[in-house]
Amino acid sequence: MNYVILVMSGVLMGLIAAVPIGPVNLICIRRTFAFGPVNGFVSGLGAALGDGVFAAVTGLGLTWIAQLIEGYATIIELVGGAMLVWIGFRTFTHPPVLPGPDDCAEKAGGNLARAMVSTFALTITNPATLLFFTSMFAGLGGLAGGAGSFHDAAFVVAGVVGGSAGWWLALTTVIGLFHTRIDEGWMRLINRGSGLLLMAFGLVVLIHVVRGGISLSGI
């Protein structure tokens, strides 16, 4: 198969995984408003790397890792839901941060590293993403595993990371145009609105995990 087609297939998968509005989109948008497009893009890059991990697990035929993730799916979802609630609470209570001379401090290496790690952790604690990439690779003709398919799958995985990162770059660049126009009142609304939504996402995940546990215990 043509390597260009493989990469473009991966780019399409990365875009499909990244574009839908969800917790990571909210986090990246809010951080772009608060700290600028660099912080927002780096946050998105963490999610892109997380997508790349799931794509690699599926595309490179790492079935033992996939089985491990599926075996601990409940615990992973519990951790992910709790993280969303915590991040949402911190966002809701965070005082408005306005553009100014302190922007450089907000973009310091340590803060950017934490921004990336947080979204990476949120992405890999969503086992549903593994199922998404499993179905997408199956739709591409069973690239996962199989003799002689390792290099083909590696090109697709690279495309996934590139497509996802491209979305975050475009999104944070556009949102960044309004970064310096946000006043304290708007920033407070953004913090509270995104914080409430993130906590809601987290509670939905936690309720799903608890209800699943109750259903299993009743069998």
Protein backbone atom coordinates (compact mmCIF):
# COMPACT_ATOMS: atom_id res chain seq x y z
CA MET A 1 0.00 0.00 0.00
CA ASN A 2 1.24 3.45 -0.82
CA TYR A 3 2.86 5.10 2.21
CA VAL A 4 1.14 8.40 1.42
CA ILE A 5 -2.24 6.66 1.64
CA LEU A 6 -1.23 5.06 4.93
CA VAL A 7 -0.17 8.38 6.44
CA MET A 8 -3.30 10.16 5.20
CA SER A 9 -5.45 7.36 6.64
CA GLY A 10 -3.74 7.95 9.99
CA VAL A 11 -4.26 11.72 9.68
CA LEU A 12 -7.98 11.12 9.11
CA MET A 13 -8.18 8.89 12.18
CA GLY A 14 -6.33 11.47 14.26
CA LEU A 15 -8.75 14.19 13.19
CA ILE A 16 -11.81 12.03 13.87
CA ALA A 17 -10.46 11.29 17.36
CA ALA A 18 -9.54 14.91 18.18
CA VAL A 19 -12.23 17.11 16.62
CA PRO A 20 -15.37 16.13 18.63
CA ILE A 21 -15.93 18.51 21.54
CA GLY A 22 -15.02 16.81 24.80
CA PRO A 23 -13.01 17.35 27.98
CA VAL A 24 -9.65 17.79 26.27
CA ASN A 25 -11.07 20.33 23.80
CA LEU A 26 -12.51 22.32 26.71
CA ILE A 27 -9.20 22.21 28.56
CA CYS A 28 -7.20 23.34 25.51
CA ILE A 29 -9.63 26.16 24.69
CA ARG A 30 -9.65 27.40 28.27
CA ARG A 31 -5.86 27.25 28.57
CA THR A 32 -5.46 29.08 25.27
CA PHE A 33 -7.71 31.87 26.51
CA ALA A 34 -5.92 32.02 29.85
CA PHE A 35 -2.26 31.41 28.96
CA GLY A 36 -2.01 31.79 25.20
CA PRO A 37 -1.84 29.49 22.15
CA VAL A 38 1.50 27.90 23.11
CA ASN A 39 0.11 26.48 26.34
CA GLY A 40 -3.09 25.43 24.57
CA PHE A 41 -1.23 23.68 21.75
CA VAL A 42 1.13 21.86 24.12
CA SER A 43 -1.93 20.67 26.06
CA GLY A 44 -3.40 19.37 22.81
CA LEU A 45 -0.10 17.74 21.93
CA GLY A 46 -0.41 15.63 25.08
CA ALA A 47 -3.74 14.34 23.79
CA ALA A 48 -2.21 13.69 20.36
CA LEU A 49 0.51 11.57 21.96
CA GLY A 50 -2.16 9.69 23.91
CA ASP A 51 -4.02 8.97 20.68
CA GLY A 52 -0.73 7.80 19.21
CA VAL A 53 -0.25 5.32 22.08
CA PHE A 54 -3.66 3.74 21.48
CA ALA A 55 -3.08 3.71 17.73
CA ALA A 56 0.28 2.00 18.26
CA VAL A 57 -1.22 -0.60 20.60
CA THR A 58 -3.82 -1.46 17.96
CA GLY A 59 -1.87 -0.96 14.76
CA LEU A 60 1.35 -2.65 15.82
CA GLY A 61 -0.47 -5.70 17.15
CA LEU A 62 0.43 -5.23 20.83
CA THR A 63 -2.43 -7.48 21.91
CA TRP A 64 -1.08 -8.12 25.40
CA ILE A 65 -1.18 -4.39 26.16
CA ALA A 66 -4.69 -4.13 24.71
CA GLN A 67 -5.81 -7.03 26.90
CA LEU A 68 -4.19 -5.41 29.94
CA ILE A 69 -6.03 -2.14 29.26
CA GLU A 70 -9.33 -3.96 28.78
CA GLY A 71 -8.76 -6.01 31.94
CA TYR A 72 -8.28 -2.88 34.04
CA ALA A 73 -10.80 -0.75 32.13
CA THR A 74 -12.94 -0.11 35.22
CA ILE A 75 -10.02 1.13 37.29
CA ILE A 76 -8.69 3.21 34.41
CA GLU A 77 -12.10 4.82 33.87
CA LEU A 78 -12.40 5.48 37.61
CA VAL A 79 -9.04 7.27 37.61
CA GLY A 80 -9.96 9.24 34.48
CA GLY A 81 -13.33 10.29 35.89
CA ALA A 82 -11.78 11.39 39.18
CA MET A 83 -9.14 13.40 37.28
CA LEU A 84 -11.84 15.18 35.27
CA VAL A 85 -13.75 16.11 38.43
CA TRP A 86 -10.55 17.39 40.08
CA ILE A 87 -9.42 19.38 37.04
CA GLY A 88 -12.94 20.76 36.65
CA PHE A 89 -13.03 21.85 40.29
CA ARG A 90 -9.61 23.48 40.02
CA THR A 91 -10.69 25.25 36.83
CA PHE A 92 -13.95 26.46 38.37
CA THR A 93 -12.20 27.90 41.42
CA HIS A 94 -9.16 29.24 39.55
CA PRO A 95 -8.93 33.04 39.68
CA PRO A 96 -9.04 34.80 36.29
CA VAL A 97 -5.61 35.01 34.64
CA LEU A 98 -5.33 37.85 32.14
CA PRO A 99 -2.71 38.33 29.39
CA GLY A 100 0.19 40.44 30.56
CA PRO A 101 3.86 40.45 31.43
CA ASP A 102 3.48 37.22 33.38
CA ASP A 103 2.60 35.27 30.22
CA CYS A 104 6.20 34.19 29.82
CA ALA A 105 6.17 32.66 33.28
CA GLU A 106 3.01 30.72 32.39
CA LYS A 107 4.78 29.30 29.33
CA ALA A 108 7.83 28.17 31.28
CA GLY A 109 9.03 24.62 30.64
CA GLY A 110 7.69 23.17 33.85
CA ASN A 111 4.17 24.52 33.27
CA LEU A 112 4.16 23.35 29.65
CA ALA A 113 5.31 19.90 30.75
CA ARG A 114 2.49 19.70 33.30
CA ALA A 115 0.02 20.90 30.68
CA MET A 116 1.07 18.11 28.32
CA VAL A 117 1.16 15.40 30.99
CA SER A 118 -2.34 16.25 32.25
CA THR A 119 -4.03 15.89 28.84
CA PHE A 120 -1.93 12.82 28.00
CA ALA A 121 -3.12 11.20 31.23
CA LEU A 122 -6.75 12.09 30.50
CA THR A 123 -6.49 10.59 27.01
CA ILE A 124 -4.94 7.27 28.02
CA THR A 125 -7.45 6.83 30.87
CA ASN A 126 -10.26 6.58 28.32
CA PRO A 127 -10.39 2.91 27.22
CA ALA A 128 -13.09 3.78 24.68
CA THR A 129 -10.34 5.35 22.57
CA LEU A 130 -8.76 1.90 22.22
CA LEU A 131 -12.04 0.53 20.85
CA PHE A 132 -12.22 3.47 18.44
CA PHE A 133 -8.80 2.77 16.96
CA THR A 134 -9.49 -0.98 16.87
CA SER A 135 -12.54 -0.39 14.68
CA MET A 136 -10.72 2.19 12.54
CA PHE A 137 -7.78 -0.12 11.87
CA ALA A 138 -10.18 -2.96 11.07
CA GLY A 139 -11.87 -0.68 8.56
CA LEU A 140 -8.50 -0.09 6.89
CA GLY A 141 -8.17 -3.76 6.07
CA GLY A 142 -6.73 -5.27 9.24
CA LEU A 143 -3.43 -3.41 9.43
CA ALA A 144 -3.06 -4.47 13.07
CA GLY A 145 -0.67 -7.38 13.37
CA GLY A 146 -0.02 -9.74 10.54
CA ALA A 147 3.22 -10.57 8.76
CA GLY A 148 4.88 -7.68 7.04
CA SER A 149 2.43 -5.08 8.38
CA PHE A 150 4.60 -3.51 11.10
CA HIS A 151 6.05 -0.74 8.95
CA ASP A 152 2.69 -0.04 7.30
CA ALA A 153 1.04 0.31 10.70
CA ALA A 154 3.88 2.57 11.91
CA PHE A 155 3.14 5.02 9.08
CA VAL A 156 -0.54 5.06 10.06
CA VAL A 157 0.37 5.71 13.72
CA ALA A 158 2.60 8.61 12.67
CA GLY A 159 -0.32 9.99 10.66
CA VAL A 160 -2.61 9.70 13.69
CA VAL A 161 -0.27 11.80 15.84
CA GLY A 162 0.21 14.30 13.00
CA GLY A 163 -3.51 14.64 12.28
CA SER A 164 -4.41 15.09 15.93
CA ALA A 165 -1.56 17.59 16.49
CA GLY A 166 -2.64 19.49 13.37
CA TRP A 167 -6.14 19.93 14.79
CA TRP A 168 -4.80 21.27 18.08
CA LEU A 169 -2.50 23.66 16.24
CA ALA A 170 -5.37 25.01 14.13
CA LEU A 171 -7.77 25.27 17.08
CA THR A 172 -5.38 27.00 19.46
CA THR A 173 -4.13 29.34 16.74
CA VAL A 174 -7.66 30.56 16.01
CA ILE A 175 -8.62 30.80 19.70
CA GLY A 176 -5.29 32.53 20.37
CA LEU A 177 -6.37 35.45 18.18
CA PHE A 178 -8.81 36.38 20.95
CA HIS A 179 -6.38 35.70 23.79
CA THR A 180 -5.49 39.32 24.47
CA ARG A 181 -9.09 40.55 24.10
CA ILE A 182 -10.48 38.62 27.06
CA ASP A 183 -11.20 40.70 30.15
CA GLU A 184 -11.50 39.50 33.76
CA GLY A 185 -15.26 39.03 33.59
CA TRP A 186 -15.11 36.85 30.48
CA MET A 187 -12.20 34.84 31.89
CA ARG A 188 -14.17 34.15 35.06
CA LEU A 189 -17.13 32.94 32.97
CA ILE A 190 -14.84 30.73 30.88
CA ASN A 191 -13.29 29.23 34.02
CA ARG A 192 -16.63 28.52 35.64
CA GLY A 193 -18.35 27.28 32.50
CA SER A 194 -15.54 24.93 31.47
CA GLY A 195 -15.05 23.84 35.09
CA LEU A 196 -18.71 22.86 35.43
CA LEU A 197 -18.66 20.98 32.13
CA LEU A 198 -15.46 19.11 33.04
CA MET A 199 -16.92 18.11 36.41
CA ALA A 200 -20.09 16.97 34.61
CA PHE A 201 -18.03 14.83 32.20
CA GLY A 202 -16.17 13.32 35.16
CA LEU A 203 -19.36 12.59 37.12
CA VAL A 204 -20.90 10.88 34.08
CA VAL A 205 -17.83 8.63 33.84
CA LEU A 206 -17.90 7.86 37.57
CA ILE A 207 -21.64 7.11 37.54
CA HIS A 208 -21.12 4.82 34.55
CA VAL A 209 -18.36 2.95 36.40
CA VAL A 210 -20.42 2.63 39.60
CA ARG A 211 -23.53 1.46 37.76
CA GLY A 212 -21.45 -1.06 35.82
CA GLY A 213 -20.01 -2.38 39.08
CA ILE A 214 -23.47 -2.69 40.62
CA SER A 215 -24.77 -4.54 37.55
CA LEU A 216 -21.87 -6.99 37.65
CA SER A 217 -22.29 -7.63 41.37
CA GLY A 218 -25.98 -8.39 40.81
CA ILE A 219 -25.29 -11.12 38.25
